[in-house]
Amino acid sequence: MATATASVTTDEILTMDEIEKRYDSEWVLIADPETDQFHKVLAGKVVYHNSDRKVFDREVLKLDPHPSDFAVFFTGKTPEGVSYLL
């Protein structure tokens, strides 16, 4: 069984390309996301990341203060046969 990685990060603002490279195949919570006119996330501060979705969900709920403006992303490839409901 693989060990999940987790961390609370700094106030560094990263582009989505930087986030995807730095946190490959992880769930990321991005605070204060910068978006374009279509609400596509362009950049932001990664305040938490984890490779295990269940751990990610549990730990994000514990964050204090919890960001009021945020986005959640998975930076890896979606497994075949899996879809997401938004």
PDB file of N, CA and C in Angstrom:
ATOM      1  N   MET A   1       0.839  -1.180   0.000  1.00  0.00           N
ATOM      2  CA  MET A   1       0.000   0.000   0.000  1.00  0.00           C
ATOM      3  C   MET A   1       0.881   1.240   0.000  1.00  0.00           C
ATOM      4  N   ALA A   2       0.600   2.169  -0.897  1.00  0.00           N
ATOM      5  CA  ALA A   2       1.397   3.389  -1.008  1.00  0.00           C
ATOM      6  C   ALA A   2       1.068   4.336   0.133  1.00  0.00           C
ATOM      7  N   THR A   3       2.046   5.072   0.574  1.00  0.00           N
ATOM      8  CA  THR A   3       1.843   6.065   1.608  1.00  0.00           C
ATOM      9  C   THR A   3       1.391   7.359   0.964  1.00  0.00           C
ATOM     10  N   ALA A   4       0.350   7.950   1.520  1.00  0.00           N
ATOM     11  CA  ALA A   4      -0.169   9.209   0.994  1.00  0.00           C
ATOM     12  C   ALA A   4       0.756  10.342   1.408  1.00  0.00           C
ATOM     13  N   THR A   5       0.959  11.278   0.499  1.00  0.00           N
ATOM     14  CA  THR A   5       1.726  12.465   0.844  1.00  0.00           C
ATOM     15  C   THR A   5       0.748  13.575   1.182  1.00  0.00           C
ATOM     16  N   ALA A   6       1.113  14.421   2.105  1.00  0.00           N
ATOM     17  CA  ALA A   6       0.234  15.509   2.504  1.00  0.00           C
ATOM     18  C   ALA A   6       1.060  16.668   3.003  1.00  0.00           C
ATOM     19  N   SER A   7       0.512  17.849   2.828  1.00  0.00           N
ATOM     20  CA  SER A   7       1.227  19.007   3.320  1.00  0.00           C
ATOM     21  C   SER A   7       0.346  20.237   3.240  1.00  0.00           C
ATOM     22  N   VAL A   8       0.582  21.132   4.156  1.00  0.00           N
ATOM     23  CA  VAL A   8       0.026  22.471   4.061  1.00  0.00           C
ATOM     24  C   VAL A   8       1.153  23.314   3.508  1.00  0.00           C
ATOM     25  N   THR A   9       0.865  24.135   2.520  1.00  0.00           N
ATOM     26  CA  THR A   9       1.933  24.860   1.832  1.00  0.00           C
ATOM     27  C   THR A   9       2.003  26.323   2.256  1.00  0.00           C
ATOM     28  N   THR A  10       2.842  27.088   1.566  1.00  0.00           N
ATOM     29  CA  THR A  10       3.081  28.494   1.885  1.00  0.00           C
ATOM     30  C   THR A  10       2.158  29.401   1.086  1.00  0.00           C
ATOM     31  N   ASP A  11       2.412  30.692   1.131  1.00  0.00           N
ATOM     32  CA  ASP A  11       1.608  31.682   0.417  1.00  0.00           C
ATOM     33  C   ASP A  11       2.089  31.929  -1.005  1.00  0.00           C
ATOM     34  N   GLU A  12       2.945  31.066  -1.521  1.00  0.00           N
ATOM     35  CA  GLU A  12       3.483  31.227  -2.869  1.00  0.00           C
ATOM     36  C   GLU A  12       2.373  31.062  -3.911  1.00  0.00           C
ATOM     37  N   ILE A  13       2.260  32.019  -4.834  1.00  0.00           N
ATOM     38  CA  ILE A  13       1.273  31.924  -5.912  1.00  0.00           C
ATOM     39  C   ILE A  13       1.920  31.202  -7.086  1.00  0.00           C
ATOM     40  N   LEU A  14       1.253  30.123  -7.527  1.00  0.00           N
ATOM     41  CA  LEU A  14       1.758  29.306  -8.627  1.00  0.00           C
ATOM     42  C   LEU A  14       0.763  29.309  -9.776  1.00  0.00           C
ATOM     43  N   THR A  15       1.273  29.162 -10.997  1.00  0.00           N
ATOM     44  CA  THR A  15       0.388  28.975 -12.142  1.00  0.00           C
ATOM     45  C   THR A  15      -0.137  27.546 -12.121  1.00  0.00           C
ATOM     46  N   MET A  16      -1.180  27.263 -12.883  1.00  0.00           N
ATOM     47  CA  MET A  16      -1.706  25.899 -12.947  1.00  0.00           C
ATOM     48  C   MET A  16      -0.657  24.941 -13.491  1.00  0.00           C
ATOM     49  N   ASP A  17       0.154  25.367 -14.449  1.00  0.00           N
ATOM     50  CA  ASP A  17       1.231  24.510 -14.962  1.00  0.00           C
ATOM     51  C   ASP A  17       2.212  24.149 -13.845  1.00  0.00           C
ATOM     52  N   GLU A  18       2.582  25.136 -13.027  1.00  0.00           N
ATOM     53  CA  GLU A  18       3.499  24.880 -11.915  1.00  0.00           C
ATOM     54  C   GLU A  18       2.860  23.946 -10.884  1.00  0.00           C
ATOM     55  N   ILE A  19       1.586  24.155 -10.605  1.00  0.00           N
ATOM     56  CA  ILE A  19       0.867  23.302  -9.648  1.00  0.00           C
ATOM     57  C   ILE A  19       0.828  21.868 -10.152  1.00  0.00           C
ATOM     58  N   GLU A  20       0.501  21.689 -11.429  1.00  0.00           N
ATOM     59  CA  GLU A  20       0.410  20.340 -11.996  1.00  0.00           C
ATOM     60  C   GLU A  20       1.765  19.630 -11.982  1.00  0.00           C
ATOM     61  N   LYS A  21       2.849  20.363 -12.208  1.00  0.00           N
ATOM     62  CA  LYS A  21       4.182  19.759 -12.183  1.00  0.00           C
ATOM     63  C   LYS A  21       4.640  19.458 -10.761  1.00  0.00           C
ATOM     64  N   ARG A  22       4.421  20.385  -9.860  1.00  0.00           N
ATOM     65  CA  ARG A  22       4.896  20.230  -8.485  1.00  0.00           C
ATOM     66  C   ARG A  22       4.095  19.187  -7.701  1.00  0.00           C
ATOM     67  N   TYR A  23       2.796  19.089  -7.970  1.00  0.00           N
ATOM     68  CA  TYR A  23       1.912  18.196  -7.212  1.00  0.00           C
ATOM     69  C   TYR A  23       1.275  17.167  -8.140  1.00  0.00           C
ATOM     70  N   ASP A  24       2.103  16.473  -8.909  1.00  0.00           N
ATOM     71  CA  ASP A  24       1.637  15.493  -9.882  1.00  0.00           C
ATOM     72  C   ASP A  24       0.832  14.378  -9.210  1.00  0.00           C
ATOM     73  N   SER A  25      -0.342  14.103  -9.763  1.00  0.00           N
ATOM     74  CA  SER A  25      -1.235  13.035  -9.288  1.00  0.00           C
ATOM     75  C   SER A  25      -1.657  13.227  -7.839  1.00  0.00           C
ATOM     76  N   GLU A  26      -1.940  14.473  -7.469  1.00  0.00           N
ATOM     77  CA  GLU A  26      -2.414  14.788  -6.125  1.00  0.00           C
ATOM     78  C   GLU A  26      -3.662  15.663  -6.204  1.00  0.00           C
ATOM     79  N   TRP A  27      -4.423  15.612  -5.131  1.00  0.00           N
ATOM     80  CA  TRP A  27      -5.543  16.524  -4.946  1.00  0.00           C
ATOM     81  C   TRP A  27      -4.990  17.794  -4.337  1.00  0.00           C
ATOM     82  N   VAL A  28      -5.376  18.958  -4.861  1.00  0.00           N
ATOM     83  CA  VAL A  28      -4.872  20.231  -4.349  1.00  0.00           C
ATOM     84  C   VAL A  28      -6.033  21.165  -4.036  1.00  0.00           C
ATOM     85  N   LEU A  29      -5.892  21.880  -2.933  1.00  0.00           N
ATOM     86  CA  LEU A  29      -6.829  22.935  -2.556  1.00  0.00           C
ATOM     87  C   LEU A  29      -6.139  24.250  -2.850  1.00  0.00           C
ATOM     88  N   ILE A  30      -6.707  25.041  -3.740  1.00  0.00           N
ATOM     89  CA  ILE A  30      -6.124  26.304  -4.173  1.00  0.00           C
ATOM     90  C   ILE A  30      -6.958  27.436  -3.594  1.00  0.00           C
ATOM     91  N   ALA A  31      -6.331  28.264  -2.760  1.00  0.00           N
ATOM     92  CA  ALA A  31      -7.010  29.408  -2.157  1.00  0.00           C
ATOM     93  C   ALA A  31      -6.873  30.629  -3.050  1.00  0.00           C
ATOM     94  N   ASP A  32      -7.886  31.462  -3.040  1.00  0.00           N
ATOM     95  CA  ASP A  32      -7.883  32.716  -3.799  1.00  0.00           C
ATOM     96  C   ASP A  32      -7.435  32.511  -5.239  1.00  0.00           C
ATOM     97  N   PRO A  33      -8.101  31.606  -5.962  1.00  0.00           N
ATOM     98  CA  PRO A  33      -7.671  31.323  -7.335  1.00  0.00           C
ATOM     99  C   PRO A  33      -7.832  32.538  -8.249  1.00  0.00           C
ATOM    100  N   GLU A  34      -6.855  32.723  -9.108  1.00  0.00           N
ATOM    101  CA  GLU A  34      -6.947  33.739 -10.159  1.00  0.00           C
ATOM    102  C   GLU A  34      -7.601  33.061 -11.353  1.00  0.00           C
ATOM    103  N   THR A  35      -8.656  33.672 -11.897  1.00  0.00           N
ATOM    104  CA  THR A  35      -9.400  33.058 -12.997  1.00  0.00           C
ATOM    105  C   THR A  35      -9.498  34.002 -14.190  1.00  0.00           C
ATOM    106  N   ASP A  36      -9.826  33.401 -15.339  1.00  0.00           N
ATOM    107  CA  ASP A  36     -10.082  34.223 -16.518  1.00  0.00           C
ATOM    108  C   ASP A  36     -11.577  34.546 -16.577  1.00  0.00           C
ATOM    109  N   GLN A  37     -12.017  35.157 -17.649  1.00  0.00           N
ATOM    110  CA  GLN A  37     -13.419  35.566 -17.781  1.00  0.00           C
ATOM    111  C   GLN A  37     -14.379  34.380 -17.845  1.00  0.00           C
ATOM    112  N   PHE A  38     -13.859  33.180 -18.083  1.00  0.00           N
ATOM    113  CA  PHE A  38     -14.683  31.972 -18.145  1.00  0.00           C
ATOM    114  C   PHE A  38     -14.574  31.150 -16.859  1.00  0.00           C
ATOM    115  N   HIS A  39     -13.950  31.730 -15.830  1.00  0.00           N
ATOM    116  CA  HIS A  39     -13.752  31.107 -14.518  1.00  0.00           C
ATOM    117  C   HIS A  39     -12.790  29.923 -14.539  1.00  0.00           C
ATOM    118  N   LYS A  40     -11.965  29.850 -15.562  1.00  0.00           N
ATOM    119  CA  LYS A  40     -10.908  28.838 -15.598  1.00  0.00           C
ATOM    120  C   LYS A  40      -9.809  29.291 -14.649  1.00  0.00           C
ATOM    121  N   VAL A  41      -9.369  28.399 -13.776  1.00  0.00           N
ATOM    122  CA  VAL A  41      -8.324  28.745 -12.810  1.00  0.00           C
ATOM    123  C   VAL A  41      -6.984  28.846 -13.525  1.00  0.00           C
ATOM    124  N   LEU A  42      -6.319  29.989 -13.341  1.00  0.00           N
ATOM    125  CA  LEU A  42      -5.024  30.245 -13.965  1.00  0.00           C
ATOM    126  C   LEU A  42      -3.876  30.124 -12.978  1.00  0.00           C
ATOM    127  N   ALA A  43      -4.135  30.488 -11.714  1.00  0.00           N
ATOM    128  CA  ALA A  43      -3.085  30.487 -10.688  1.00  0.00           C
ATOM    129  C   ALA A  43      -3.726  30.585  -9.315  1.00  0.00           C
ATOM    130  N   GLY A  44      -2.904  30.363  -8.293  1.00  0.00           N
ATOM    131  CA  GLY A  44      -3.393  30.496  -6.925  1.00  0.00           C
ATOM    132  C   GLY A  44      -2.399  29.925  -5.931  1.00  0.00           C
ATOM    133  N   LYS A  45      -2.786  29.952  -4.655  1.00  0.00           N
ATOM    134  CA  LYS A  45      -1.955  29.444  -3.569  1.00  0.00           C
ATOM    135  C   LYS A  45      -2.440  28.049  -3.193  1.00  0.00           C
ATOM    136  N   VAL A  46      -1.569  27.063  -3.282  1.00  0.00           N
ATOM    137  CA  VAL A  46      -1.913  25.711  -2.847  1.00  0.00           C
ATOM    138  C   VAL A  46      -1.776  25.694  -1.329  1.00  0.00           C
ATOM    139  N   VAL A  47      -2.905  25.554  -0.634  1.00  0.00           N
ATOM    140  CA  VAL A  47      -2.872  25.564   0.823  1.00  0.00           C
ATOM    141  C   VAL A  47      -2.901  24.162   1.411  1.00  0.00           C
ATOM    142  N   TYR A  48      -3.244  23.163   0.599  1.00  0.00           N
ATOM    143  CA  TYR A  48      -3.192  21.778   1.065  1.00  0.00           C
ATOM    144  C   TYR A  48      -3.144  20.863  -0.150  1.00  0.00           C
ATOM    145  N   HIS A  49      -2.422  19.754  -0.012  1.00  0.00           N
ATOM    146  CA  HIS A  49      -2.395  18.753  -1.080  1.00  0.00           C
ATOM    147  C   HIS A  49      -2.198  17.378  -0.481  1.00  0.00           C
ATOM    148  N   ASN A  50      -2.721  16.370  -1.150  1.00  0.00           N
ATOM    149  CA  ASN A  50      -2.599  14.991  -0.687  1.00  0.00           C
ATOM    150  C   ASN A  50      -2.893  14.067  -1.851  1.00  0.00           C
ATOM    151  N   SER A  51      -2.211  12.949  -1.907  1.00  0.00           N
ATOM    152  CA  SER A  51      -2.440  11.995  -2.991  1.00  0.00           C
ATOM    153  C   SER A  51      -3.659  11.101  -2.744  1.00  0.00           C
ATOM    154  N   ASP A  52      -4.142  11.047  -1.523  1.00  0.00           N
ATOM    155  CA  ASP A  52      -5.286  10.210  -1.159  1.00  0.00           C
ATOM    156  C   ASP A  52      -6.533  11.086  -0.993  1.00  0.00           C
ATOM    157  N   ARG A  53      -7.550  10.857  -1.808  1.00  0.00           N
ATOM    158  CA  ARG A  53      -8.735  11.726  -1.793  1.00  0.00           C
ATOM    159  C   ARG A  53      -9.467  11.688  -0.456  1.00  0.00           C
ATOM    160  N   LYS A  54      -9.583  10.529   0.163  1.00  0.00           N
ATOM    161  CA  LYS A  54     -10.291  10.453   1.442  1.00  0.00           C
ATOM    162  C   LYS A  54      -9.559  11.240   2.527  1.00  0.00           C
ATOM    163  N   VAL A  55      -8.246  11.110   2.557  1.00  0.00           N
ATOM    164  CA  VAL A  55      -7.441  11.872   3.519  1.00  0.00           C
ATOM    165  C   VAL A  55      -7.550  13.355   3.201  1.00  0.00           C
ATOM    166  N   PHE A  56      -7.463  13.693   1.919  1.00  0.00           N
ATOM    167  CA  PHE A  56      -7.577  15.092   1.490  1.00  0.00           C
ATOM    168  C   PHE A  56      -8.878  15.702   2.011  1.00  0.00           C
ATOM    169  N   ASP A  57     -10.000  15.037   1.749  1.00  0.00           N
ATOM    170  CA  ASP A  57     -11.304  15.553   2.181  1.00  0.00           C
ATOM    171  C   ASP A  57     -11.350  15.748   3.697  1.00  0.00           C
ATOM    172  N   ARG A  58     -10.890  14.748   4.427  1.00  0.00           N
ATOM    173  CA  ARG A  58     -10.933  14.803   5.891  1.00  0.00           C
ATOM    174  C   ARG A  58     -10.076  15.949   6.432  1.00  0.00           C
ATOM    175  N   GLU A  59      -8.862  16.096   5.902  1.00  0.00           N
ATOM    176  CA  GLU A  59      -7.946  17.111   6.408  1.00  0.00           C
ATOM    177  C   GLU A  59      -8.348  18.527   5.986  1.00  0.00           C
ATOM    178  N   VAL A  60      -8.892  18.669   4.790  1.00  0.00           N
ATOM    179  CA  VAL A  60      -9.323  19.995   4.332  1.00  0.00           C
ATOM    180  C   VAL A  60     -10.433  20.534   5.233  1.00  0.00           C
ATOM    181  N   LEU A  61     -11.299  19.652   5.693  1.00  0.00           N
ATOM    182  CA  LEU A  61     -12.377  20.087   6.588  1.00  0.00           C
ATOM    183  C   LEU A  61     -11.843  20.604   7.918  1.00  0.00           C
ATOM    184  N   LYS A  62     -10.637  20.201   8.290  1.00  0.00           N
ATOM    185  CA  LYS A  62     -10.031  20.631   9.551  1.00  0.00           C
ATOM    186  C   LYS A  62      -9.285  21.960   9.439  1.00  0.00           C
ATOM    187  N   LEU A  63      -9.054  22.438   8.225  1.00  0.00           N
ATOM    188  CA  LEU A  63      -8.285  23.675   8.058  1.00  0.00           C
ATOM    189  C   LEU A  63      -8.976  24.836   8.749  1.00  0.00           C
ATOM    190  N   ASP A  64      -8.181  25.624   9.471  1.00  0.00           N
ATOM    191  CA  ASP A  64      -8.721  26.790  10.156  1.00  0.00           C
ATOM    192  C   ASP A  64      -7.693  27.903  10.067  1.00  0.00           C
ATOM    193  N   PRO A  65      -7.962  28.973   9.415  1.00  0.00           N
ATOM    194  CA  PRO A  65      -9.258  29.247   8.772  1.00  0.00           C
ATOM    195  C   PRO A  65      -9.369  28.522   7.432  1.00  0.00           C
ATOM    196  N   HIS A  66     -10.575  28.180   7.083  1.00  0.00           N
ATOM    197  CA  HIS A  66     -10.855  27.545   5.788  1.00  0.00           C
ATOM    198  C   HIS A  66     -11.011  28.662   4.760  1.00  0.00           C
ATOM    199  N   PRO A  67     -10.362  28.550   3.608  1.00  0.00           N
ATOM    200  CA  PRO A  67     -10.482  29.631   2.620  1.00  0.00           C
ATOM    201  C   PRO A  67     -11.924  29.796   2.148  1.00  0.00           C
ATOM    202  N   SER A  68     -12.362  31.027   2.001  1.00  0.00           N
ATOM    203  CA  SER A  68     -13.739  31.270   1.542  1.00  0.00           C
ATOM    204  C   SER A  68     -13.840  31.210   0.021  1.00  0.00           C
ATOM    205  N   ASP A  69     -12.750  31.502  -0.669  1.00  0.00           N
ATOM    206  CA  ASP A  69     -12.700  31.436  -2.129  1.00  0.00           C
ATOM    207  C   ASP A  69     -11.636  30.410  -2.491  1.00  0.00           C
ATOM    208  N   PHE A  70     -12.039  29.277  -3.090  1.00  0.00           N
ATOM    209  CA  PHE A  70     -11.091  28.204  -3.339  1.00  0.00           C
ATOM    210  C   PHE A  70     -11.505  27.361  -4.535  1.00  0.00           C
ATOM    211  N   ALA A  71     -10.574  26.527  -4.991  1.00  0.00           N
ATOM    212  CA  ALA A  71     -10.819  25.548  -6.056  1.00  0.00           C
ATOM    213  C   ALA A  71     -10.123  24.253  -5.646  1.00  0.00           C
ATOM    214  N   VAL A  72     -10.681  23.127  -6.088  1.00  0.00           N
ATOM    215  CA  VAL A  72     -10.101  21.818  -5.816  1.00  0.00           C
ATOM    216  C   VAL A  72      -9.815  21.148  -7.148  1.00  0.00           C
ATOM    217  N   PHE A  73      -8.598  20.607  -7.276  1.00  0.00           N
ATOM    218  CA  PHE A  73      -8.195  19.938  -8.513  1.00  0.00           C
ATOM    219  C   PHE A  73      -7.495  18.627  -8.206  1.00  0.00           C
ATOM    220  N   PHE A  74      -7.619  17.673  -9.142  1.00  0.00           N
ATOM    221  CA  PHE A  74      -6.765  16.490  -9.159  1.00  0.00           C
ATOM    222  C   PHE A  74      -5.820  16.682 -10.330  1.00  0.00           C
ATOM    223  N   THR A  75      -4.529  16.603 -10.083  1.00  0.00           N
ATOM    224  CA  THR A  75      -3.542  16.936 -11.111  1.00  0.00           C
ATOM    225  C   THR A  75      -3.093  15.749 -11.944  1.00  0.00           C
ATOM    226  N   GLY A  76      -3.638  14.575 -11.668  1.00  0.00           N
ATOM    227  CA  GLY A  76      -3.259  13.396 -12.438  1.00  0.00           C
ATOM    228  C   GLY A  76      -4.272  13.087 -13.527  1.00  0.00           C
ATOM    229  N   LYS A  77      -4.086  11.966 -14.161  1.00  0.00           N
ATOM    230  CA  LYS A  77      -5.010  11.514 -15.198  1.00  0.00           C
ATOM    231  C   LYS A  77      -6.198  10.830 -14.531  1.00  0.00           C
ATOM    232  N   THR A  78      -7.378  11.060 -15.078  1.00  0.00           N
ATOM    233  CA  THR A  78      -8.577  10.416 -14.570  1.00  0.00           C
ATOM    234  C   THR A  78      -8.542   8.942 -14.981  1.00  0.00           C
ATOM    235  N   PRO A  79      -8.694   8.029 -14.006  1.00  0.00           N
ATOM    236  CA  PRO A  79      -8.679   6.604 -14.353  1.00  0.00           C
ATOM    237  C   PRO A  79      -9.804   6.252 -15.328  1.00  0.00           C
ATOM    238  N   GLU A  80      -9.558   5.289 -16.179  1.00  0.00           N
ATOM    239  CA  GLU A  80     -10.561   4.859 -17.151  1.00  0.00           C
ATOM    240  C   GLU A  80     -11.812   4.385 -16.418  1.00  0.00           C
ATOM    241  N   GLY A  81     -12.968   4.805 -16.905  1.00  0.00           N
ATOM    242  CA  GLY A  81     -14.240   4.401 -16.313  1.00  0.00           C
ATOM    243  C   GLY A  81     -14.696   5.275 -15.156  1.00  0.00           C
ATOM    244  N   VAL A  82     -13.905   6.304 -14.809  1.00  0.00           N
ATOM    245  CA  VAL A  82     -14.272   7.204 -13.715  1.00  0.00           C
ATOM    246  C   VAL A  82     -14.735   8.529 -14.302  1.00  0.00           C
ATOM    247  N   SER A  83     -15.817   9.053 -13.746  1.00  0.00           N
ATOM    248  CA  SER A  83     -16.279  10.386 -14.154  1.00  0.00           C
ATOM    249  C   SER A  83     -16.598  11.178 -12.891  1.00  0.00           C
ATOM    250  N   TYR A  84     -16.646  12.488 -13.018  1.00  0.00           N
ATOM    251  CA  TYR A  84     -16.887  13.366 -11.888  1.00  0.00           C
ATOM    252  C   TYR A  84     -18.197  14.110 -12.083  1.00  0.00           C
ATOM    253  N   LEU A  85     -18.934  14.252 -11.018  1.00  0.00           N
ATOM    254  CA  LEU A  85     -20.171  15.004 -11.014  1.00  0.00           C
ATOM    255  C   LEU A  85     -19.915  16.306 -10.284  1.00  0.00           C
ATOM    256  N   LEU A  86     -20.167  17.424 -10.935  1.00  0.00           N
ATOM    257  CA  LEU A  86     -19.936  18.729 -10.318  1.00  0.00           C
ATOM    258  C   LEU A  86     -21.229  19.374  -9.907  1.00  0.00           C
TER     259      LEU A  86
END
